[in-house]
Amino acid sequence: MADDYVLRKTIKEGNMYKRGVVNTDWKLRKFVLNGKQLHYFKGAKSTPSGTIDLKKIVSVSDMEEDCTFHIVYPGRTYKLRGLTTEAGAEWRDAIAVAQQAAAKRP
């Protein structure tokens, strides 16, 4: 029970840009990372617009020059960009570490 709480505790929260599959414009989204999932939200909604299961992530790319990185997921690649180079690197690293930890759990 306590272990489940730790897995759901927020690791990082903030804004990033996400590029859609259909609408390829960069959209500002709120992101919340916990030990199991990365959620993203449109505006002030309390229900996530989408959720990425950390255990299902195939890979997290290195940062590109424009603060962009990719999360490769079965059937989809998420394109994300930090508000700054530093913020993008922090998000990319936090997601990669959380994904590696999630992959080790049964």
PDB file of N, CA and C in Angstrom:
ATOM      1  N   MET A   1       0.830  -1.192   0.000  1.00  0.00           N
ATOM      2  CA  MET A   1       0.000   0.000   0.000  1.00  0.00           C
ATOM      3  C   MET A   1       0.872   1.251   0.000  1.00  0.00           C
ATOM      4  N   ALA A   2       1.839   1.328   0.914  1.00  0.00           N
ATOM      5  CA  ALA A   2       2.730   2.490   0.957  1.00  0.00           C
ATOM      6  C   ALA A   2       3.564   2.564  -0.309  1.00  0.00           C
ATOM      7  N   ASP A   3       3.960   1.397  -0.841  1.00  0.00           N
ATOM      8  CA  ASP A   3       4.755   1.357  -2.070  1.00  0.00           C
ATOM      9  C   ASP A   3       3.965   1.955  -3.230  1.00  0.00           C
ATOM     10  N   ASP A   4       2.670   1.658  -3.288  1.00  0.00           N
ATOM     11  CA  ASP A   4       1.825   2.205  -4.341  1.00  0.00           C
ATOM     12  C   ASP A   4       1.746   3.730  -4.233  1.00  0.00           C
ATOM     13  N   TYR A   5       1.703   4.253  -3.000  1.00  0.00           N
ATOM     14  CA  TYR A   5       1.680   5.705  -2.806  1.00  0.00           C
ATOM     15  C   TYR A   5       2.954   6.333  -3.363  1.00  0.00           C
ATOM     16  N   VAL A   6       4.092   5.718  -3.082  1.00  0.00           N
ATOM     17  CA  VAL A   6       5.371   6.245  -3.577  1.00  0.00           C
ATOM     18  C   VAL A   6       5.372   6.257  -5.102  1.00  0.00           C
ATOM     19  N   LEU A   7       4.825   5.220  -5.712  1.00  0.00           N
ATOM     20  CA  LEU A   7       4.791   5.136  -7.173  1.00  0.00           C
ATOM     21  C   LEU A   7       3.892   6.207  -7.779  1.00  0.00           C
ATOM     22  N   ARG A   8       2.862   6.633  -7.044  1.00  0.00           N
ATOM     23  CA  ARG A   8       1.928   7.634  -7.552  1.00  0.00           C
ATOM     24  C   ARG A   8       2.294   9.058  -7.120  1.00  0.00           C
ATOM     25  N   LYS A   9       3.262   9.197  -6.231  1.00  0.00           N
ATOM     26  CA  LYS A   9       3.687  10.517  -5.764  1.00  0.00           C
ATOM     27  C   LYS A   9       4.285  11.305  -6.940  1.00  0.00           C
ATOM     28  N   THR A  10       3.962  12.587  -7.009  1.00  0.00           N
ATOM     29  CA  THR A  10       4.448  13.420  -8.103  1.00  0.00           C
ATOM     30  C   THR A  10       5.957  13.607  -8.017  1.00  0.00           C
ATOM     31  N   ILE A  11       6.626  13.288  -9.112  1.00  0.00           N
ATOM     32  CA  ILE A  11       8.079  13.464  -9.228  1.00  0.00           C
ATOM     33  C   ILE A  11       8.381  14.841  -9.811  1.00  0.00           C
ATOM     34  N   LYS A  12       7.621  15.208 -10.830  1.00  0.00           N
ATOM     35  CA  LYS A  12       7.835  16.486 -11.511  1.00  0.00           C
ATOM     36  C   LYS A  12       6.509  16.947 -12.096  1.00  0.00           C
ATOM     37  N   GLU A  13       6.301  18.252 -12.070  1.00  0.00           N
ATOM     38  CA  GLU A  13       5.081  18.839 -12.597  1.00  0.00           C
ATOM     39  C   GLU A  13       5.423  20.170 -13.241  1.00  0.00           C
ATOM     40  N   GLY A  14       4.838  20.447 -14.390  1.00  0.00           N
ATOM     41  CA  GLY A  14       5.085  21.714 -15.060  1.00  0.00           C
ATOM     42  C   GLY A  14       4.624  21.681 -16.504  1.00  0.00           C
ATOM     43  N   ASN A  15       5.022  22.688 -17.256  1.00  0.00           N
ATOM     44  CA  ASN A  15       4.573  22.835 -18.639  1.00  0.00           C
ATOM     45  C   ASN A  15       5.663  22.457 -19.639  1.00  0.00           C
ATOM     46  N   MET A  16       5.213  21.868 -20.722  1.00  0.00           N
ATOM     47  CA  MET A  16       6.049  21.593 -21.887  1.00  0.00           C
ATOM     48  C   MET A  16       5.152  21.745 -23.109  1.00  0.00           C
ATOM     49  N   TYR A  17       5.791  21.817 -24.263  1.00  0.00           N
ATOM     50  CA  TYR A  17       5.060  21.794 -25.516  1.00  0.00           C
ATOM     51  C   TYR A  17       4.987  20.358 -26.013  1.00  0.00           C
ATOM     52  N   LYS A  18       3.850  20.008 -26.612  1.00  0.00           N
ATOM     53  CA  LYS A  18       3.638  18.683 -27.196  1.00  0.00           C
ATOM     54  C   LYS A  18       3.171  18.887 -28.627  1.00  0.00           C
ATOM     55  N   ARG A  19       3.785  18.155 -29.536  1.00  0.00           N
ATOM     56  CA  ARG A  19       3.378  18.217 -30.946  1.00  0.00           C
ATOM     57  C   ARG A  19       2.468  17.032 -31.225  1.00  0.00           C
ATOM     58  N   GLY A  20       1.291  17.310 -31.759  1.00  0.00           N
ATOM     59  CA  GLY A  20       0.309  16.268 -32.013  1.00  0.00           C
ATOM     60  C   GLY A  20       0.590  15.487 -33.279  1.00  0.00           C
ATOM     61  N   VAL A  21      -0.107  14.379 -33.408  1.00  0.00           N
ATOM     62  CA  VAL A  21       0.016  13.524 -34.587  1.00  0.00           C
ATOM     63  C   VAL A  21      -0.793  14.112 -35.741  1.00  0.00           C
ATOM     64  N   VAL A  22      -2.027  14.511 -35.476  1.00  0.00           N
ATOM     65  CA  VAL A  22      -2.899  15.057 -36.515  1.00  0.00           C
ATOM     66  C   VAL A  22      -2.638  16.549 -36.681  1.00  0.00           C
ATOM     67  N   ASN A  23      -2.760  17.303 -35.587  1.00  0.00           N
ATOM     68  CA  ASN A  23      -2.457  18.732 -35.598  1.00  0.00           C
ATOM     69  C   ASN A  23      -0.997  18.876 -35.167  1.00  0.00           C
ATOM     70  N   THR A  24      -0.128  19.191 -36.113  1.00  0.00           N
ATOM     71  CA  THR A  24       1.307  19.179 -35.822  1.00  0.00           C
ATOM     72  C   THR A  24       1.830  20.491 -35.236  1.00  0.00           C
ATOM     73  N   ASP A  25       0.916  21.386 -34.838  1.00  0.00           N
ATOM     74  CA  ASP A  25       1.353  22.605 -34.141  1.00  0.00           C
ATOM     75  C   ASP A  25       1.824  22.227 -32.739  1.00  0.00           C
ATOM     76  N   TRP A  26       2.759  22.996 -32.199  1.00  0.00           N
ATOM     77  CA  TRP A  26       3.198  22.796 -30.817  1.00  0.00           C
ATOM     78  C   TRP A  26       2.147  23.393 -29.892  1.00  0.00           C
ATOM     79  N   LYS A  27       1.647  22.588 -28.956  1.00  0.00           N
ATOM     80  CA  LYS A  27       0.623  23.024 -27.999  1.00  0.00           C
ATOM     81  C   LYS A  27       1.195  22.970 -26.587  1.00  0.00           C
ATOM     82  N   LEU A  28       0.972  24.037 -25.828  1.00  0.00           N
ATOM     83  CA  LEU A  28       1.411  24.064 -24.441  1.00  0.00           C
ATOM     84  C   LEU A  28       0.500  23.168 -23.612  1.00  0.00           C
ATOM     85  N   ARG A  29       1.102  22.263 -22.857  1.00  0.00           N
ATOM     86  CA  ARG A  29       0.352  21.340 -22.010  1.00  0.00           C
ATOM     87  C   ARG A  29       0.986  21.287 -20.626  1.00  0.00           C
ATOM     88  N   LYS A  30       0.166  21.017 -19.632  1.00  0.00           N
ATOM     89  CA  LYS A  30       0.663  20.763 -18.279  1.00  0.00           C
ATOM     90  C   LYS A  30       0.978  19.271 -18.206  1.00  0.00           C
ATOM     91  N   PHE A  31       2.122  18.922 -17.615  1.00  0.00           N
ATOM     92  CA  PHE A  31       2.537  17.535 -17.462  1.00  0.00           C
ATOM     93  C   PHE A  31       2.749  17.225 -15.987  1.00  0.00           C
ATOM     94  N   VAL A  32       2.387  16.000 -15.600  1.00  0.00           N
ATOM     95  CA  VAL A  32       2.619  15.509 -14.246  1.00  0.00           C
ATOM     96  C   VAL A  32       3.241  14.118 -14.372  1.00  0.00           C
ATOM     97  N   LEU A  33       4.436  13.963 -13.796  1.00  0.00           N
ATOM     98  CA  LEU A  33       5.171  12.698 -13.820  1.00  0.00           C
ATOM     99  C   LEU A  33       5.135  12.078 -12.438  1.00  0.00           C
ATOM    100  N   ASN A  34       4.708  10.805 -12.369  1.00  0.00           N
ATOM    101  CA  ASN A  34       4.808  10.072 -11.114  1.00  0.00           C
ATOM    102  C   ASN A  34       5.587   8.788 -11.385  1.00  0.00           C
ATOM    103  N   GLY A  35       5.648   7.890 -10.443  1.00  0.00           N
ATOM    104  CA  GLY A  35       6.451   6.681 -10.605  1.00  0.00           C
ATOM    105  C   GLY A  35       5.902   5.667 -11.578  1.00  0.00           C
ATOM    106  N   LYS A  36       4.675   5.878 -12.050  1.00  0.00           N
ATOM    107  CA  LYS A  36       4.049   4.933 -12.978  1.00  0.00           C
ATOM    108  C   LYS A  36       3.712   5.529 -14.330  1.00  0.00           C
ATOM    109  N   GLN A  37       3.379   6.839 -14.350  1.00  0.00           N
ATOM    110  CA  GLN A  37       2.829   7.430 -15.565  1.00  0.00           C
ATOM    111  C   GLN A  37       3.249   8.883 -15.748  1.00  0.00           C
ATOM    112  N   LEU A  38       3.167   9.316 -17.000  1.00  0.00           N
ATOM    113  CA  LEU A  38       3.305  10.721 -17.352  1.00  0.00           C
ATOM    114  C   LEU A  38       1.946  11.149 -17.897  1.00  0.00           C
ATOM    115  N   HIS A  39       1.292  12.075 -17.197  1.00  0.00           N
ATOM    116  CA  HIS A  39      -0.016  12.577 -17.615  1.00  0.00           C
ATOM    117  C   HIS A  39       0.169  13.942 -18.258  1.00  0.00           C
ATOM    118  N   TYR A  40      -0.683  14.267 -19.231  1.00  0.00           N
ATOM    119  CA  TYR A  40      -0.697  15.627 -19.766  1.00  0.00           C
ATOM    120  C   TYR A  40      -2.132  16.131 -19.834  1.00  0.00           C
ATOM    121  N   PHE A  41      -2.258  17.444 -19.666  1.00  0.00           N
ATOM    122  CA  PHE A  41      -3.554  18.087 -19.515  1.00  0.00           C
ATOM    123  C   PHE A  41      -3.667  19.280 -20.455  1.00  0.00           C
ATOM    124  N   LYS A  42      -4.864  19.513 -20.975  1.00  0.00           N
ATOM    125  CA  LYS A  42      -5.169  20.719 -21.748  1.00  0.00           C
ATOM    126  C   LYS A  42      -5.720  21.748 -20.784  1.00  0.00           C
ATOM    127  N   GLY A  43      -5.150  22.913 -20.743  1.00  0.00           N
ATOM    128  CA  GLY A  43      -5.654  23.995 -19.897  1.00  0.00           C
ATOM    129  C   GLY A  43      -5.721  23.609 -18.437  1.00  0.00           C
ATOM    130  N   ALA A  44      -6.810  24.000 -17.779  1.00  0.00           N
ATOM    131  CA  ALA A  44      -6.961  23.778 -16.337  1.00  0.00           C
ATOM    132  C   ALA A  44      -7.773  22.522 -16.029  1.00  0.00           C
ATOM    133  N   LYS A  45      -7.911  21.614 -16.994  1.00  0.00           N
ATOM    134  CA  LYS A  45      -8.685  20.399 -16.768  1.00  0.00           C
ATOM    135  C   LYS A  45      -8.073  19.569 -15.651  1.00  0.00           C
ATOM    136  N   SER A  46      -8.926  18.915 -14.869  1.00  0.00           N
ATOM    137  CA  SER A  46      -8.431  18.058 -13.807  1.00  0.00           C
ATOM    138  C   SER A  46      -8.298  16.605 -14.259  1.00  0.00           C
ATOM    139  N   THR A  47      -8.877  16.297 -15.415  1.00  0.00           N
ATOM    140  CA  THR A  47      -8.756  14.961 -15.988  1.00  0.00           C
ATOM    141  C   THR A  47      -7.706  14.998 -17.090  1.00  0.00           C
ATOM    142  N   PRO A  48      -6.757  14.050 -17.075  1.00  0.00           N
ATOM    143  CA  PRO A  48      -5.716  14.067 -18.112  1.00  0.00           C
ATOM    144  C   PRO A  48      -6.284  13.933 -19.524  1.00  0.00           C
ATOM    145  N   SER A  49      -5.685  14.657 -20.454  1.00  0.00           N
ATOM    146  CA  SER A  49      -6.009  14.500 -21.871  1.00  0.00           C
ATOM    147  C   SER A  49      -5.353  13.250 -22.413  1.00  0.00           C
ATOM    148  N   GLY A  50      -4.264  12.846 -21.766  1.00  0.00           N
ATOM    149  CA  GLY A  50      -3.545  11.646 -22.176  1.00  0.00           C
ATOM    150  C   GLY A  50      -2.637  11.154 -21.071  1.00  0.00           C
ATOM    151  N   THR A  51      -2.292   9.875 -21.140  1.00  0.00           N
ATOM    152  CA  THR A  51      -1.428   9.249 -20.148  1.00  0.00           C
ATOM    153  C   THR A  51      -0.443   8.330 -20.852  1.00  0.00           C
ATOM    154  N   ILE A  52       0.809   8.424 -20.456  1.00  0.00           N
ATOM    155  CA  ILE A  52       1.862   7.553 -20.987  1.00  0.00           C
ATOM    156  C   ILE A  52       2.300   6.640 -19.855  1.00  0.00           C
ATOM    157  N   ASP A  53       2.122   5.340 -20.032  1.00  0.00           N
ATOM    158  CA  ASP A  53       2.540   4.340 -19.052  1.00  0.00           C
ATOM    159  C   ASP A  53       4.055   4.170 -19.165  1.00  0.00           C
ATOM    160  N   LEU A  54       4.763   4.465 -18.090  1.00  0.00           N
ATOM    161  CA  LEU A  54       6.231   4.436 -18.131  1.00  0.00           C
ATOM    162  C   LEU A  54       6.781   3.060 -18.474  1.00  0.00           C
ATOM    163  N   LYS A  55       6.102   2.001 -18.053  1.00  0.00           N
ATOM    164  CA  LYS A  55       6.576   0.644 -18.338  1.00  0.00           C
ATOM    165  C   LYS A  55       6.528   0.306 -19.823  1.00  0.00           C
ATOM    166  N   LYS A  56       5.666   0.990 -20.575  1.00  0.00           N
ATOM    167  CA  LYS A  56       5.509   0.692 -21.997  1.00  0.00           C
ATOM    168  C   LYS A  56       6.413   1.526 -22.897  1.00  0.00           C
ATOM    169  N   ILE A  57       7.137   2.482 -22.325  1.00  0.00           N
ATOM    170  CA  ILE A  57       8.033   3.315 -23.134  1.00  0.00           C
ATOM    171  C   ILE A  57       9.157   2.445 -23.697  1.00  0.00           C
ATOM    172  N   VAL A  58       9.369   2.556 -24.995  1.00  0.00           N
ATOM    173  CA  VAL A  58      10.443   1.822 -25.664  1.00  0.00           C
ATOM    174  C   VAL A  58      11.767   2.553 -25.474  1.00  0.00           C
ATOM    175  N   SER A  59      11.753   3.889 -25.646  1.00  0.00           N
ATOM    176  CA  SER A  59      12.965   4.683 -25.452  1.00  0.00           C
ATOM    177  C   SER A  59      12.624   6.157 -25.298  1.00  0.00           C
ATOM    178  N   VAL A  60      13.573   6.885 -24.722  1.00  0.00           N
ATOM    179  CA  VAL A  60      13.498   8.342 -24.612  1.00  0.00           C
ATOM    180  C   VAL A  60      14.734   8.873 -25.323  1.00  0.00           C
ATOM    181  N   SER A  61      14.530   9.711 -26.339  1.00  0.00           N
ATOM    182  CA  SER A  61      15.655  10.188 -27.152  1.00  0.00           C
ATOM    183  C   SER A  61      16.498  11.214 -26.406  1.00  0.00           C
ATOM    184  N   ASP A  62      17.659  11.474 -26.956  1.00  0.00           N
ATOM    185  CA  ASP A  62      18.503  12.565 -26.451  1.00  0.00           C
ATOM    186  C   ASP A  62      17.861  13.889 -26.848  1.00  0.00           C
ATOM    187  N   MET A  63      18.279  14.951 -26.156  1.00  0.00           N
ATOM    188  CA  MET A  63      17.784  16.293 -26.483  1.00  0.00           C
ATOM    189  C   MET A  63      18.324  16.726 -27.838  1.00  0.00           C
ATOM    190  N   GLU A  64      17.486  17.407 -28.587  1.00  0.00           N
ATOM    191  CA  GLU A  64      17.915  18.015 -29.840  1.00  0.00           C
ATOM    192  C   GLU A  64      18.213  19.481 -29.576  1.00  0.00           C
ATOM    193  N   GLU A  65      18.788  20.165 -30.530  1.00  0.00           N
ATOM    194  CA  GLU A  65      19.191  21.568 -30.351  1.00  0.00           C
ATOM    195  C   GLU A  65      18.034  22.499 -30.010  1.00  0.00           C
ATOM    196  N   ASP A  66      16.825  22.165 -30.460  1.00  0.00           N
ATOM    197  CA  ASP A  66      15.671  23.038 -30.220  1.00  0.00           C
ATOM    198  C   ASP A  66      14.897  22.656 -28.950  1.00  0.00           C
ATOM    199  N   CYS A  67      15.542  21.965 -28.016  1.00  0.00           N
ATOM    200  CA  CYS A  67      14.941  21.542 -26.733  1.00  0.00           C
ATOM    201  C   CYS A  67      13.938  20.419 -26.900  1.00  0.00           C
ATOM    202  N   THR A  68      13.892  19.780 -28.059  1.00  0.00           N
ATOM    203  CA  THR A  68      12.942  18.719 -28.347  1.00  0.00           C
ATOM    204  C   THR A  68      13.521  17.358 -27.986  1.00  0.00           C
ATOM    205  N   PHE A  69      12.665  16.476 -27.476  1.00  0.00           N
ATOM    206  CA  PHE A  69      13.024  15.074 -27.300  1.00  0.00           C
ATOM    207  C   PHE A  69      11.794  14.231 -27.610  1.00  0.00           C
ATOM    208  N   HIS A  70      12.011  12.944 -27.845  1.00  0.00           N
ATOM    209  CA  HIS A  70      10.930  12.046 -28.247  1.00  0.00           C
ATOM    210  C   HIS A  70      10.792  10.907 -27.254  1.00  0.00           C
ATOM    211  N   ILE A  71       9.552  10.537 -26.990  1.00  0.00           N
ATOM    212  CA  ILE A  71       9.256   9.339 -26.214  1.00  0.00           C
ATOM    213  C   ILE A  71       8.685   8.342 -27.211  1.00  0.00           C
ATOM    214  N   VAL A  72       9.407   7.241 -27.424  1.00  0.00           N
ATOM    215  CA  VAL A  72       8.954   6.210 -28.355  1.00  0.00           C
ATOM    216  C   VAL A  72       8.108   5.220 -27.560  1.00  0.00           C
ATOM    217  N   TYR A  73       6.886   5.044 -28.029  1.00  0.00           N
ATOM    218  CA  TYR A  73       5.862   4.258 -27.351  1.00  0.00           C
ATOM    219  C   TYR A  73       5.283   3.299 -28.393  1.00  0.00           C
ATOM    220  N   PRO A  74       4.799   2.131 -28.023  1.00  0.00           N
ATOM    221  CA  PRO A  74       4.242   1.229 -29.035  1.00  0.00           C
ATOM    222  C   PRO A  74       3.162   1.923 -29.882  1.00  0.00           C
ATOM    223  N   GLY A  75       3.402   1.990 -31.173  1.00  0.00           N
ATOM    224  CA  GLY A  75       2.436   2.579 -32.093  1.00  0.00           C
ATOM    225  C   GLY A  75       2.445   4.094 -32.168  1.00  0.00           C
ATOM    226  N   ARG A  76       3.342   4.751 -31.420  1.00  0.00           N
ATOM    227  CA  ARG A  76       3.324   6.213 -31.413  1.00  0.00           C
ATOM    228  C   ARG A  76       4.651   6.758 -30.895  1.00  0.00           C
ATOM    229  N   THR A  77       5.019   7.926 -31.388  1.00  0.00           N
ATOM    230  CA  THR A  77       6.169   8.653 -30.853  1.00  0.00           C
ATOM    231  C   THR A  77       5.670  10.015 -30.392  1.00  0.00           C
ATOM    232  N   TYR A  78       5.865  10.305 -29.105  1.00  0.00           N
ATOM    233  CA  TYR A  78       5.483  11.598 -28.537  1.00  0.00           C
ATOM    234  C   TYR A  78       6.626  12.572 -28.744  1.00  0.00           C
ATOM    235  N   LYS A  79       6.323  13.745 -29.279  1.00  0.00           N
ATOM    236  CA  LYS A  79       7.323  14.786 -29.501  1.00  0.00           C
ATOM    237  C   LYS A  79       7.078  15.886 -28.476  1.00  0.00           C
ATOM    238  N   LEU A  80       8.065  16.110 -27.607  1.00  0.00           N
ATOM    239  CA  LEU A  80       7.940  17.077 -26.526  1.00  0.00           C
ATOM    240  C   LEU A  80       9.068  18.093 -26.598  1.00  0.00           C
ATOM    241  N   ARG A  81       8.798  19.293 -26.103  1.00  0.00           N
ATOM    242  CA  ARG A  81       9.810  20.353 -26.112  1.00  0.00           C
ATOM    243  C   ARG A  81       9.695  21.144 -24.814  1.00  0.00           C
ATOM    244  N   GLY A  82      10.836  21.359 -24.181  1.00  0.00           N
ATOM    245  CA  GLY A  82      10.864  22.165 -22.970  1.00  0.00           C
ATOM    246  C   GLY A  82      10.673  23.637 -23.288  1.00  0.00           C
ATOM    247  N   LEU A  83      10.277  24.394 -22.275  1.00  0.00           N
ATOM    248  CA  LEU A  83      10.121  25.839 -22.459  1.00  0.00           C
ATOM    249  C   LEU A  83      11.474  26.509 -22.642  1.00  0.00           C
ATOM    250  N   THR A  84      12.507  25.903 -22.055  1.00  0.00           N
ATOM    251  CA  THR A  84      13.888  26.344 -22.218  1.00  0.00           C
ATOM    252  C   THR A  84      14.750  25.097 -22.416  1.00  0.00           C
ATOM    253  N   THR A  85      15.990  25.282 -22.814  1.00  0.00           N
ATOM    254  CA  THR A  85      16.897  24.145 -22.962  1.00  0.00           C
ATOM    255  C   THR A  85      17.059  23.425 -21.630  1.00  0.00           C
ATOM    256  N   GLU A  86      17.255  24.189 -20.563  1.00  0.00           N
ATOM    257  CA  GLU A  86      17.440  23.596 -19.234  1.00  0.00           C
ATOM    258  C   GLU A  86      16.192  22.834 -18.789  1.00  0.00           C
ATOM    259  N   ALA A  87      15.028  23.427 -18.966  1.00  0.00           N
ATOM    260  CA  ALA A  87      13.775  22.769 -18.572  1.00  0.00           C
ATOM    261  C   ALA A  87      13.550  21.494 -19.382  1.00  0.00           C
ATOM    262  N   GLY A  88      13.832  21.547 -20.667  1.00  0.00           N
ATOM    263  CA  GLY A  88      13.683  20.366 -21.508  1.00  0.00           C
ATOM    264  C   GLY A  88      14.595  19.240 -21.067  1.00  0.00           C
ATOM    265  N   ALA A  89      15.842  19.573 -20.732  1.00  0.00           N
ATOM    266  CA  ALA A  89      16.802  18.569 -20.267  1.00  0.00           C
ATOM    267  C   ALA A  89      16.354  17.972 -18.933  1.00  0.00           C
ATOM    268  N   GLU A  90      15.832  18.806 -18.033  1.00  0.00           N
ATOM    269  CA  GLU A  90      15.344  18.314 -16.744  1.00  0.00           C
ATOM    270  C   GLU A  90      14.183  17.347 -16.934  1.00  0.00           C
ATOM    271  N   TRP A  91      13.239  17.702 -17.812  1.00  0.00           N
ATOM    272  CA  TRP A  91      12.113  16.821 -18.084  1.00  0.00           C
ATOM    273  C   TRP A  91      12.571  15.523 -18.720  1.00  0.00           C
ATOM    274  N   ARG A  92      13.415  15.623 -19.719  1.00  0.00           N
ATOM    275  CA  ARG A  92      13.896  14.436 -20.422  1.00  0.00           C
ATOM    276  C   ARG A  92      14.583  13.489 -19.447  1.00  0.00           C
ATOM    277  N   ASP A  93      15.451  14.025 -18.593  1.00  0.00           N
ATOM    278  CA  ASP A  93      16.180  13.194 -17.625  1.00  0.00           C
ATOM    279  C   ASP A  93      15.240  12.578 -16.594  1.00  0.00           C
ATOM    280  N   ALA A  94      14.289  13.357 -16.085  1.00  0.00           N
ATOM    281  CA  ALA A  94      13.342  12.845 -15.089  1.00  0.00           C
ATOM    282  C   ALA A  94      12.489  11.712 -15.666  1.00  0.00           C
ATOM    283  N   ILE A  95      12.041  11.883 -16.908  1.00  0.00           N
ATOM    284  CA  ILE A  95      11.234  10.838 -17.554  1.00  0.00           C
ATOM    285  C   ILE A  95      12.071   9.584 -17.774  1.00  0.00           C
ATOM    286  N   ALA A  96      13.301   9.748 -18.247  1.00  0.00           N
ATOM    287  CA  ALA A  96      14.171   8.594 -18.506  1.00  0.00           C
ATOM    288  C   ALA A  96      14.467   7.824 -17.221  1.00  0.00           C
ATOM    289  N   VAL A  97      14.757   8.518 -16.131  1.00  0.00           N
ATOM    290  CA  VAL A  97      15.043   7.861 -14.853  1.00  0.00           C
ATOM    291  C   VAL A  97      13.794   7.140 -14.333  1.00  0.00           C
ATOM    292  N   ALA A  98      12.641   7.803 -14.387  1.00  0.00           N
ATOM    293  CA  ALA A  98      11.397   7.184 -13.926  1.00  0.00           C
ATOM    294  C   ALA A  98      11.040   5.980 -14.784  1.00  0.00           C
ATOM    295  N   GLN A  99      11.282   6.062 -16.086  1.00  0.00           N
ATOM    296  CA  GLN A  99      10.994   4.947 -16.985  1.00  0.00           C
ATOM    297  C   GLN A  99      11.880   3.747 -16.670  1.00  0.00           C
ATOM    298  N   GLN A 100      13.154   3.995 -16.419  1.00  0.00           N
ATOM    299  CA  GLN A 100      14.076   2.910 -16.091  1.00  0.00           C
ATOM    300  C   GLN A 100      13.688   2.237 -14.781  1.00  0.00           C
ATOM    301  N   ALA A 101      13.287   3.029 -13.790  1.00  0.00           N
ATOM    302  CA  ALA A 101      12.857   2.484 -12.502  1.00  0.00           C
ATOM    303  C   ALA A 101      11.568   1.678 -12.669  1.00  0.00           C
ATOM    304  N   ALA A 102      10.633   2.190 -13.470  1.00  0.00           N
ATOM    305  CA  ALA A 102       9.368   1.476 -13.691  1.00  0.00           C
ATOM    306  C   ALA A 102       9.599   0.138 -14.408  1.00  0.00           C
ATOM    307  N   ALA A 103      10.551   0.115 -15.325  1.00  0.00           N
ATOM    308  CA  ALA A 103      10.836  -1.103 -16.080  1.00  0.00           C
ATOM    309  C   ALA A 103      11.385  -2.205 -15.181  1.00  0.00           C
ATOM    310  N   LYS A 104      12.002  -1.854 -14.072  1.00  0.00           N
ATOM    311  CA  LYS A 104      12.583  -2.839 -13.148  1.00  0.00           C
ATOM    312  C   LYS A 104      11.547  -3.425 -12.189  1.00  0.00           C
ATOM    313  N   ARG A 105      10.397  -2.753 -12.052  1.00  0.00           N
ATOM    314  CA  ARG A 105       9.365  -3.239 -11.134  1.00  0.00           C
ATOM    315  C   ARG A 105       8.533  -4.324 -11.793  1.00  0.00           C
ATOM    316  N   PRO A 106       8.099  -5.312 -10.973  1.00  0.00           N
ATOM    317  CA  PRO A 106       7.256  -6.393 -11.537  1.00  0.00           C
ATOM    318  C   PRO A 106       5.889  -5.872 -11.950  1.00  0.00           C
TER     319      PRO A 106
END
